[in-house]
Amino acid sequence: MDKSAQKYRQRLVNLGFGNFVVAARVIAIVDPASAPMRRLREDARQENRLIDATQGRKTRAIVVTDSNHVILSAIQAETIGQRFQAEDASSRREEE
């Protein structure tokens, strides 16, 4: 793949159950247990910025994007972080 095509190729990170997010748009991956994260979730719900990707399961991670959307995932924040790092490492190998 030439450099110009690589530039526009979007990297996706798996949030579980067939749900993905564009890696470049992710600002934070956080644990939902704290009071500030519960407020973040409720504020996003009221402002129609909440995306529930849990498929009815317990929320185990909250992903915040650069567009200020809040995505709920049933996968642990640490697991998503590992997937994010693996995706970043593979993209660097392809650029070489």
PDB file of N, CA and C in Angstrom:
ATOM      1  N   MET A   1       0.854  -1.178   0.000  1.00  0.00           N
ATOM      2  CA  MET A   1       0.000   0.000   0.000  1.00  0.00           C
ATOM      3  C   MET A   1       0.897   1.239   0.000  1.00  0.00           C
ATOM      4  N   ASP A   2       0.597   2.204  -0.863  1.00  0.00           N
ATOM      5  CA  ASP A   2       1.429   3.399  -0.921  1.00  0.00           C
ATOM      6  C   ASP A   2       1.118   4.335   0.241  1.00  0.00           C
ATOM      7  N   LYS A   3       2.000   5.305   0.463  1.00  0.00           N
ATOM      8  CA  LYS A   3       1.888   6.210   1.616  1.00  0.00           C
ATOM      9  C   LYS A   3       0.588   7.008   1.619  1.00  0.00           C
ATOM     10  N   SER A   4       0.116   7.454   0.446  1.00  0.00           N
ATOM     11  CA  SER A   4      -1.108   8.255   0.413  1.00  0.00           C
ATOM     12  C   SER A   4      -2.321   7.435   0.828  1.00  0.00           C
ATOM     13  N   ALA A   5      -2.369   6.169   0.460  1.00  0.00           N
ATOM     14  CA  ALA A   5      -3.481   5.307   0.849  1.00  0.00           C
ATOM     15  C   ALA A   5      -3.426   4.999   2.344  1.00  0.00           C
ATOM     16  N   GLN A   6      -2.216   4.815   2.901  1.00  0.00           N
ATOM     17  CA  GLN A   6      -2.069   4.549   4.320  1.00  0.00           C
ATOM     18  C   GLN A   6      -2.558   5.725   5.157  1.00  0.00           C
ATOM     19  N   LYS A   7      -2.345   6.925   4.670  1.00  0.00           N
ATOM     20  CA  LYS A   7      -2.719   8.121   5.406  1.00  0.00           C
ATOM     21  C   LYS A   7      -4.216   8.146   5.707  1.00  0.00           C
ATOM     22  N   TYR A   8      -5.039   7.675   4.773  1.00  0.00           N
ATOM     23  CA  TYR A   8      -6.485   7.740   4.930  1.00  0.00           C
ATOM     24  C   TYR A   8      -7.101   6.475   5.497  1.00  0.00           C
ATOM     25  N   ARG A   9      -6.305   5.461   5.741  1.00  0.00           N
ATOM     26  CA  ARG A   9      -6.818   4.215   6.288  1.00  0.00           C
ATOM     27  C   ARG A   9      -7.059   4.382   7.789  1.00  0.00           C
ATOM     28  N   GLN A  10      -8.266   4.104   8.225  1.00  0.00           N
ATOM     29  CA  GLN A  10      -8.633   4.277   9.624  1.00  0.00           C
ATOM     30  C   GLN A  10      -8.359   3.000  10.416  1.00  0.00           C
ATOM     31  N   ARG A  11      -7.717   3.135  11.553  1.00  0.00           N
ATOM     32  CA  ARG A  11      -7.486   2.005  12.457  1.00  0.00           C
ATOM     33  C   ARG A  11      -8.669   1.893  13.391  1.00  0.00           C
ATOM     34  N   LEU A  12      -9.162   0.684  13.594  1.00  0.00           N
ATOM     35  CA  LEU A  12     -10.299   0.444  14.462  1.00  0.00           C
ATOM     36  C   LEU A  12      -9.865  -0.348  15.685  1.00  0.00           C
ATOM     37  N   VAL A  13     -10.493  -0.055  16.813  1.00  0.00           N
ATOM     38  CA  VAL A  13     -10.246  -0.803  18.041  1.00  0.00           C
ATOM     39  C   VAL A  13     -11.548  -1.500  18.422  1.00  0.00           C
ATOM     40  N   ASN A  14     -11.453  -2.775  18.721  1.00  0.00           N
ATOM     41  CA  ASN A  14     -12.610  -3.599  19.065  1.00  0.00           C
ATOM     42  C   ASN A  14     -13.065  -3.284  20.492  1.00  0.00           C
ATOM     43  N   LEU A  15     -14.329  -2.867  20.642  1.00  0.00           N
ATOM     44  CA  LEU A  15     -14.910  -2.600  21.960  1.00  0.00           C
ATOM     45  C   LEU A  15     -15.711  -3.793  22.468  1.00  0.00           C
ATOM     46  N   GLY A  16     -15.716  -4.866  21.694  1.00  0.00           N
ATOM     47  CA  GLY A  16     -16.435  -6.076  22.085  1.00  0.00           C
ATOM     48  C   GLY A  16     -17.757  -6.217  21.376  1.00  0.00           C
ATOM     49  N   PHE A  17     -18.169  -7.469  21.141  1.00  0.00           N
ATOM     50  CA  PHE A  17     -19.459  -7.813  20.552  1.00  0.00           C
ATOM     51  C   PHE A  17     -19.660  -7.181  19.182  1.00  0.00           C
ATOM     52  N   GLY A  18     -18.588  -7.089  18.401  1.00  0.00           N
ATOM     53  CA  GLY A  18     -18.696  -6.571  17.046  1.00  0.00           C
ATOM     54  C   GLY A  18     -18.777  -5.057  16.950  1.00  0.00           C
ATOM     55  N   ASN A  19     -18.427  -4.362  18.016  1.00  0.00           N
ATOM     56  CA  ASN A  19     -18.453  -2.902  18.024  1.00  0.00           C
ATOM     57  C   ASN A  19     -17.023  -2.365  17.986  1.00  0.00           C
ATOM     58  N   PHE A  20     -16.809  -1.353  17.152  1.00  0.00           N
ATOM     59  CA  PHE A  20     -15.481  -0.792  16.970  1.00  0.00           C
ATOM     60  C   PHE A  20     -15.537   0.725  17.066  1.00  0.00           C
ATOM     61  N   VAL A  21     -14.381   1.321  17.369  1.00  0.00           N
ATOM     62  CA  VAL A  21     -14.235   2.770  17.376  1.00  0.00           C
ATOM     63  C   VAL A  21     -12.952   3.104  16.614  1.00  0.00           C
ATOM     64  N   VAL A  22     -12.931   4.247  15.929  1.00  0.00           N
ATOM     65  CA  VAL A  22     -11.741   4.673  15.205  1.00  0.00           C
ATOM     66  C   VAL A  22     -10.676   5.059  16.239  1.00  0.00           C
ATOM     67  N   ALA A  23      -9.535   4.402  16.191  1.00  0.00           N
ATOM     68  CA  ALA A  23      -8.487   4.578  17.200  1.00  0.00           C
ATOM     69  C   ALA A  23      -8.028   6.026  17.317  1.00  0.00           C
ATOM     70  N   ALA A  24      -7.920   6.721  16.214  1.00  0.00           N
ATOM     71  CA  ALA A  24      -7.422   8.100  16.230  1.00  0.00           C
ATOM     72  C   ALA A  24      -8.379   9.055  16.931  1.00  0.00           C
ATOM     73  N   ARG A  25      -9.624   8.668  17.112  1.00  0.00           N
ATOM     74  CA  ARG A  25     -10.628   9.544  17.734  1.00  0.00           C
ATOM     75  C   ARG A  25     -10.729   9.359  19.245  1.00  0.00           C
ATOM     76  N   VAL A  26     -10.060   8.334  19.797  1.00  0.00           N
ATOM     77  CA  VAL A  26     -10.160   8.025  21.225  1.00  0.00           C
ATOM     78  C   VAL A  26      -9.281   8.982  22.035  1.00  0.00           C
ATOM     79  N   ILE A  27      -9.896   9.598  23.056  1.00  0.00           N
ATOM     80  CA  ILE A  27      -9.184  10.481  23.973  1.00  0.00           C
ATOM     81  C   ILE A  27      -8.823   9.734  25.252  1.00  0.00           C
ATOM     82  N   ALA A  28      -9.772   8.953  25.777  1.00  0.00           N
ATOM     83  CA  ALA A  28      -9.544   8.259  27.042  1.00  0.00           C
ATOM     84  C   ALA A  28     -10.348   6.968  27.104  1.00  0.00           C
ATOM     85  N   ILE A  29      -9.794   6.001  27.840  1.00  0.00           N
ATOM     86  CA  ILE A  29     -10.473   4.746  28.158  1.00  0.00           C
ATOM     87  C   ILE A  29     -10.415   4.636  29.678  1.00  0.00           C
ATOM     88  N   VAL A  30     -11.572   4.719  30.334  1.00  0.00           N
ATOM     89  CA  VAL A  30     -11.583   4.818  31.792  1.00  0.00           C
ATOM     90  C   VAL A  30     -12.511   3.792  32.429  1.00  0.00           C
ATOM     91  N   ASP A  31     -12.263   3.547  33.716  1.00  0.00           N
ATOM     92  CA  ASP A  31     -13.097   2.660  34.515  1.00  0.00           C
ATOM     93  C   ASP A  31     -14.363   3.427  34.926  1.00  0.00           C
ATOM     94  N   PRO A  32     -15.531   2.806  34.847  1.00  0.00           N
ATOM     95  CA  PRO A  32     -16.783   3.530  35.107  1.00  0.00           C
ATOM     96  C   PRO A  32     -17.193   3.639  36.575  1.00  0.00           C
ATOM     97  N   ALA A  33     -16.386   3.125  37.499  1.00  0.00           N
ATOM     98  CA  ALA A  33     -16.823   2.996  38.888  1.00  0.00           C
ATOM     99  C   ALA A  33     -16.854   4.299  39.681  1.00  0.00           C
ATOM    100  N   SER A  34     -16.069   5.277  39.330  1.00  0.00           N
ATOM    101  CA  SER A  34     -15.990   6.489  40.151  1.00  0.00           C
ATOM    102  C   SER A  34     -17.191   7.402  39.926  1.00  0.00           C
ATOM    103  N   ALA A  35     -17.439   8.256  40.891  1.00  0.00           N
ATOM    104  CA  ALA A  35     -18.558   9.200  40.807  1.00  0.00           C
ATOM    105  C   ALA A  35     -18.421  10.160  39.617  1.00  0.00           C
ATOM    106  N   PRO A  36     -17.212  10.695  39.331  1.00  0.00           N
ATOM    107  CA  PRO A  36     -17.096  11.573  38.157  1.00  0.00           C
ATOM    108  C   PRO A  36     -17.432  10.861  36.844  1.00  0.00           C
ATOM    109  N   MET A  37     -17.105   9.572  36.744  1.00  0.00           N
ATOM    110  CA  MET A  37     -17.419   8.834  35.518  1.00  0.00           C
ATOM    111  C   MET A  37     -18.920   8.565  35.418  1.00  0.00           C
ATOM    112  N   ARG A  38     -19.572   8.352  36.541  1.00  0.00           N
ATOM    113  CA  ARG A  38     -21.035   8.199  36.524  1.00  0.00           C
ATOM    114  C   ARG A  38     -21.700   9.497  36.084  1.00  0.00           C
ATOM    115  N   ARG A  39     -21.167  10.633  36.551  1.00  0.00           N
ATOM    116  CA  ARG A  39     -21.701  11.933  36.120  1.00  0.00           C
ATOM    117  C   ARG A  39     -21.450  12.155  34.636  1.00  0.00           C
ATOM    118  N   LEU A  40     -20.262  11.777  34.169  1.00  0.00           N
ATOM    119  CA  LEU A  40     -19.939  11.903  32.749  1.00  0.00           C
ATOM    120  C   LEU A  40     -20.943  11.120  31.912  1.00  0.00           C
ATOM    121  N   ARG A  41     -21.245   9.901  32.345  1.00  0.00           N
ATOM    122  CA  ARG A  41     -22.203   9.057  31.632  1.00  0.00           C
ATOM    123  C   ARG A  41     -23.591   9.701  31.610  1.00  0.00           C
ATOM    124  N   GLU A  42     -24.044  10.186  32.742  1.00  0.00           N
ATOM    125  CA  GLU A  42     -25.381  10.794  32.818  1.00  0.00           C
ATOM    126  C   GLU A  42     -25.461  12.082  32.009  1.00  0.00           C
ATOM    127  N   ASP A  43     -24.413  12.910  32.071  1.00  0.00           N
ATOM    128  CA  ASP A  43     -24.391  14.143  31.267  1.00  0.00           C
ATOM    129  C   ASP A  43     -24.457  13.818  29.777  1.00  0.00           C
ATOM    130  N   ALA A  44     -23.696  12.803  29.359  1.00  0.00           N
ATOM    131  CA  ALA A  44     -23.696  12.405  27.951  1.00  0.00           C
ATOM    132  C   ALA A  44     -25.069  11.872  27.542  1.00  0.00           C
ATOM    133  N   ARG A  45     -25.716  11.138  28.424  1.00  0.00           N
ATOM    134  CA  ARG A  45     -27.049  10.604  28.127  1.00  0.00           C
ATOM    135  C   ARG A  45     -28.043  11.749  27.924  1.00  0.00           C
ATOM    136  N   GLN A  46     -28.008  12.739  28.797  1.00  0.00           N
ATOM    137  CA  GLN A  46     -28.935  13.874  28.704  1.00  0.00           C
ATOM    138  C   GLN A  46     -28.699  14.707  27.452  1.00  0.00           C
ATOM    139  N   GLU A  47     -27.439  14.769  26.999  1.00  0.00           N
ATOM    140  CA  GLU A  47     -27.085  15.578  25.826  1.00  0.00           C
ATOM    141  C   GLU A  47     -27.043  14.755  24.536  1.00  0.00           C
ATOM    142  N   ASN A  48     -27.535  13.514  24.576  1.00  0.00           N
ATOM    143  CA  ASN A  48     -27.565  12.615  23.410  1.00  0.00           C
ATOM    144  C   ASN A  48     -26.180  12.377  22.807  1.00  0.00           C
ATOM    145  N   ARG A  49     -25.181  12.251  23.672  1.00  0.00           N
ATOM    146  CA  ARG A  49     -23.817  11.951  23.227  1.00  0.00           C
ATOM    147  C   ARG A  49     -23.381  10.560  23.675  1.00  0.00           C
ATOM    148  N   LEU A  50     -24.290   9.794  24.272  1.00  0.00           N
ATOM    149  CA  LEU A  50     -23.959   8.483  24.822  1.00  0.00           C
ATOM    150  C   LEU A  50     -24.231   7.391  23.799  1.00  0.00           C
ATOM    151  N   ILE A  51     -23.257   6.499  23.640  1.00  0.00           N
ATOM    152  CA  ILE A  51     -23.399   5.339  22.766  1.00  0.00           C
ATOM    153  C   ILE A  51     -23.208   4.097  23.637  1.00  0.00           C
ATOM    154  N   ASP A  52     -24.240   3.296  23.733  1.00  0.00           N
ATOM    155  CA  ASP A  52     -24.189   2.093  24.563  1.00  0.00           C
ATOM    156  C   ASP A  52     -23.825   0.891  23.697  1.00  0.00           C
ATOM    157  N   ALA A  53     -22.591   0.419  23.837  1.00  0.00           N
ATOM    158  CA  ALA A  53     -22.110  -0.737  23.072  1.00  0.00           C
ATOM    159  C   ALA A  53     -21.955  -1.961  23.973  1.00  0.00           C
ATOM    160  N   THR A  54     -22.711  -2.000  25.077  1.00  0.00           N
ATOM    161  CA  THR A  54     -22.577  -3.101  26.033  1.00  0.00           C
ATOM    162  C   THR A  54     -23.393  -4.328  25.656  1.00  0.00           C
ATOM    163  N   GLN A  55     -24.334  -4.197  24.708  1.00  0.00           N
ATOM    164  CA  GLN A  55     -25.217  -5.302  24.331  1.00  0.00           C
ATOM    165  C   GLN A  55     -25.978  -5.834  25.541  1.00  0.00           C
ATOM    166  N   GLY A  56     -26.385  -4.939  26.447  1.00  0.00           N
ATOM    167  CA  GLY A  56     -27.173  -5.322  27.607  1.00  0.00           C
ATOM    168  C   GLY A  56     -26.371  -5.846  28.778  1.00  0.00           C
ATOM    169  N   ARG A  57     -25.076  -5.859  28.678  1.00  0.00           N
ATOM    170  CA  ARG A  57     -24.228  -6.359  29.762  1.00  0.00           C
ATOM    171  C   ARG A  57     -23.778  -5.212  30.667  1.00  0.00           C
ATOM    172  N   LYS A  58     -23.092  -5.556  31.733  1.00  0.00           N
ATOM    173  CA  LYS A  58     -22.597  -4.561  32.686  1.00  0.00           C
ATOM    174  C   LYS A  58     -21.518  -3.696  32.025  1.00  0.00           C
ATOM    175  N   THR A  59     -21.561  -2.393  32.281  1.00  0.00           N
ATOM    176  CA  THR A  59     -20.545  -1.480  31.748  1.00  0.00           C
ATOM    177  C   THR A  59     -19.251  -1.667  32.514  1.00  0.00           C
ATOM    178  N   ARG A  60     -18.178  -1.982  31.799  1.00  0.00           N
ATOM    179  CA  ARG A  60     -16.872  -2.193  32.421  1.00  0.00           C
ATOM    180  C   ARG A  60     -15.829  -1.177  31.971  1.00  0.00           C
ATOM    181  N   ALA A  61     -16.173  -0.379  30.955  1.00  0.00           N
ATOM    182  CA  ALA A  61     -15.252   0.667  30.491  1.00  0.00           C
ATOM    183  C   ALA A  61     -16.048   1.775  29.824  1.00  0.00           C
ATOM    184  N   ILE A  62     -15.512   2.988  29.920  1.00  0.00           N
ATOM    185  CA  ILE A  62     -16.070   4.139  29.234  1.00  0.00           C
ATOM    186  C   ILE A  62     -15.000   4.684  28.315  1.00  0.00           C
ATOM    187  N   VAL A  63     -15.353   4.872  27.041  1.00  0.00           N
ATOM    188  CA  VAL A  63     -14.434   5.411  26.042  1.00  0.00           C
ATOM    189  C   VAL A  63     -14.923   6.818  25.687  1.00  0.00           C
ATOM    190  N   VAL A  64     -14.020   7.791  25.787  1.00  0.00           N
ATOM    191  CA  VAL A  64     -14.346   9.174  25.453  1.00  0.00           C
ATOM    192  C   VAL A  64     -13.642   9.509  24.146  1.00  0.00           C
ATOM    193  N   THR A  65     -14.384  10.113  23.211  1.00  0.00           N
ATOM    194  CA  THR A  65     -13.823  10.442  21.906  1.00  0.00           C
ATOM    195  C   THR A  65     -13.569  11.942  21.774  1.00  0.00           C
ATOM    196  N   ASP A  66     -12.842  12.313  20.736  1.00  0.00           N
ATOM    197  CA  ASP A  66     -12.535  13.721  20.507  1.00  0.00           C
ATOM    198  C   ASP A  66     -13.758  14.530  20.104  1.00  0.00           C
ATOM    199  N   SER A  67     -14.834  13.860  19.703  1.00  0.00           N
ATOM    200  CA  SER A  67     -16.084  14.546  19.372  1.00  0.00           C
ATOM    201  C   SER A  67     -16.974  14.695  20.612  1.00  0.00           C
ATOM    202  N   ASN A  68     -16.418  14.332  21.777  1.00  0.00           N
ATOM    203  CA  ASN A  68     -17.096  14.423  23.065  1.00  0.00           C
ATOM    204  C   ASN A  68     -18.198  13.377  23.226  1.00  0.00           C
ATOM    205  N   HIS A  69     -18.190  12.331  22.405  1.00  0.00           N
ATOM    206  CA  HIS A  69     -19.107  11.218  22.590  1.00  0.00           C
ATOM    207  C   HIS A  69     -18.565  10.305  23.678  1.00  0.00           C
ATOM    208  N   VAL A  70     -19.465   9.664  24.386  1.00  0.00           N
ATOM    209  CA  VAL A  70     -19.111   8.744  25.457  1.00  0.00           C
ATOM    210  C   VAL A  70     -19.650   7.377  25.053  1.00  0.00           C
ATOM    211  N   ILE A  71     -18.752   6.398  24.975  1.00  0.00           N
ATOM    212  CA  ILE A  71     -19.124   5.052  24.537  1.00  0.00           C
ATOM    213  C   ILE A  71     -18.972   4.093  25.706  1.00  0.00           C
ATOM    214  N   LEU A  72     -20.030   3.327  25.991  1.00  0.00           N
ATOM    215  CA  LEU A  72     -19.993   2.332  27.058  1.00  0.00           C
ATOM    216  C   LEU A  72     -19.636   0.981  26.463  1.00  0.00           C
ATOM    217  N   SER A  73     -18.742   0.258  27.151  1.00  0.00           N
ATOM    218  CA  SER A  73     -18.329  -1.062  26.683  1.00  0.00           C
ATOM    219  C   SER A  73     -18.421  -2.070  27.816  1.00  0.00           C
ATOM    220  N   ALA A  74     -18.722  -3.311  27.468  1.00  0.00           N
ATOM    221  CA  ALA A  74     -18.779  -4.393  28.450  1.00  0.00           C
ATOM    222  C   ALA A  74     -17.414  -5.066  28.627  1.00  0.00           C
ATOM    223  N   ILE A  75     -16.403  -4.581  27.923  1.00  0.00           N
ATOM    224  CA  ILE A  75     -15.047  -5.122  28.024  1.00  0.00           C
ATOM    225  C   ILE A  75     -14.255  -4.254  29.011  1.00  0.00           C
ATOM    226  N   GLN A  76     -13.403  -4.865  29.814  1.00  0.00           N
ATOM    227  CA  GLN A  76     -12.593  -4.133  30.790  1.00  0.00           C
ATOM    228  C   GLN A  76     -11.760  -3.047  30.112  1.00  0.00           C
ATOM    229  N   ALA A  77     -11.587  -1.914  30.793  1.00  0.00           N
ATOM    230  CA  ALA A  77     -10.794  -0.801  30.264  1.00  0.00           C
ATOM    231  C   ALA A  77      -9.368  -1.254  29.946  1.00  0.00           C
ATOM    232  N   GLU A  78      -8.794  -2.077  30.783  1.00  0.00           N
ATOM    233  CA  GLU A  78      -7.428  -2.572  30.570  1.00  0.00           C
ATOM    234  C   GLU A  78      -7.335  -3.400  29.285  1.00  0.00           C
ATOM    235  N   THR A  79      -8.335  -4.226  29.024  1.00  0.00           N
ATOM    236  CA  THR A  79      -8.352  -5.045  27.815  1.00  0.00           C
ATOM    237  C   THR A  79      -8.452  -4.168  26.570  1.00  0.00           C
ATOM    238  N   ILE A  80      -9.317  -3.164  26.606  1.00  0.00           N
ATOM    239  CA  ILE A  80      -9.437  -2.248  25.476  1.00  0.00           C
ATOM    240  C   ILE A  80      -8.128  -1.496  25.277  1.00  0.00           C
ATOM    241  N   GLY A  81      -7.504  -1.087  26.370  1.00  0.00           N
ATOM    242  CA  GLY A  81      -6.205  -0.407  26.287  1.00  0.00           C
ATOM    243  C   GLY A  81      -5.149  -1.278  25.630  1.00  0.00           C
ATOM    244  N   GLN A  82      -5.134  -2.562  25.963  1.00  0.00           N
ATOM    245  CA  GLN A  82      -4.189  -3.491  25.350  1.00  0.00           C
ATOM    246  C   GLN A  82      -4.464  -3.629  23.858  1.00  0.00           C
ATOM    247  N   ARG A  83      -5.735  -3.711  23.478  1.00  0.00           N
ATOM    248  CA  ARG A  83      -6.094  -3.792  22.066  1.00  0.00           C
ATOM    249  C   ARG A  83      -5.678  -2.516  21.338  1.00  0.00           C
ATOM    250  N   PHE A  84      -5.858  -1.388  22.001  1.00  0.00           N
ATOM    251  CA  PHE A  84      -5.481  -0.097  21.437  1.00  0.00           C
ATOM    252  C   PHE A  84      -3.971  -0.051  21.186  1.00  0.00           C
ATOM    253  N   GLN A  85      -3.187  -0.508  22.169  1.00  0.00           N
ATOM    254  CA  GLN A  85      -1.731  -0.536  22.020  1.00  0.00           C
ATOM    255  C   GLN A  85      -1.300  -1.501  20.931  1.00  0.00           C
ATOM    256  N   ALA A  86      -1.943  -2.651  20.841  1.00  0.00           N
ATOM    257  CA  ALA A  86      -1.607  -3.634  19.807  1.00  0.00           C
ATOM    258  C   ALA A  86      -1.892  -3.059  18.422  1.00  0.00           C
ATOM    259  N   GLU A  87      -3.001  -2.335  18.287  1.00  0.00           N
ATOM    260  CA  GLU A  87      -3.362  -1.706  17.008  1.00  0.00           C
ATOM    261  C   GLU A  87      -2.344  -0.632  16.642  1.00  0.00           C
ATOM    262  N   ASP A  88      -1.896   0.132  17.645  1.00  0.00           N
ATOM    263  CA  ASP A  88      -0.909   1.182  17.414  1.00  0.00           C
ATOM    264  C   ASP A  88       0.428   0.585  16.983  1.00  0.00           C
ATOM    265  N   ALA A  89       0.822  -0.515  17.620  1.00  0.00           N
ATOM    266  CA  ALA A  89       2.083  -1.166  17.270  1.00  0.00           C
ATOM    267  C   ALA A  89       2.039  -1.733  15.854  1.00  0.00           C
ATOM    268  N   SER A  90       0.915  -2.329  15.464  1.00  0.00           N
ATOM    269  CA  SER A  90       0.810  -2.893  14.119  1.00  0.00           C
ATOM    270  C   SER A  90       0.821  -1.789  13.066  1.00  0.00           C
ATOM    271  N   SER A  91       0.229  -0.637  13.360  1.00  0.00           N
ATOM    272  CA  SER A  91       0.245   0.455  12.387  1.00  0.00           C
ATOM    273  C   SER A  91       1.651   1.015  12.212  1.00  0.00           C
ATOM    274  N   ARG A  92       2.436   1.029  13.303  1.00  0.00           N
ATOM    275  CA  ARG A  92       3.814   1.516  13.167  1.00  0.00           C
ATOM    276  C   ARG A  92       4.653   0.552  12.345  1.00  0.00           C
ATOM    277  N   ARG A  93       4.422  -0.759  12.489  1.00  0.00           N
ATOM    278  CA  ARG A  93       5.160  -1.745  11.704  1.00  0.00           C
ATOM    279  C   ARG A  93       4.839  -1.608  10.229  1.00  0.00           C
ATOM    280  N   GLU A  94       3.577  -1.343   9.904  1.00  0.00           N
ATOM    281  CA  GLU A  94       3.179  -1.189   8.499  1.00  0.00           C
ATOM    282  C   GLU A  94       3.784   0.053   7.862  1.00  0.00           C
ATOM    283  N   GLU A  95       4.022   1.093   8.666  1.00  0.00           N
ATOM    284  CA  GLU A  95       4.584   2.327   8.133  1.00  0.00           C
ATOM    285  C   GLU A  95       6.059   2.184   7.789  1.00  0.00           C
ATOM    286  N   GLU A  96       6.726   1.218   8.425  1.00  0.00           N
ATOM    287  CA  GLU A  96       8.175   1.042   8.197  1.00  0.00           C
ATOM    288  C   GLU A  96       8.487   0.426   6.866  1.00  0.00           C
TER     289      GLU A  96
END
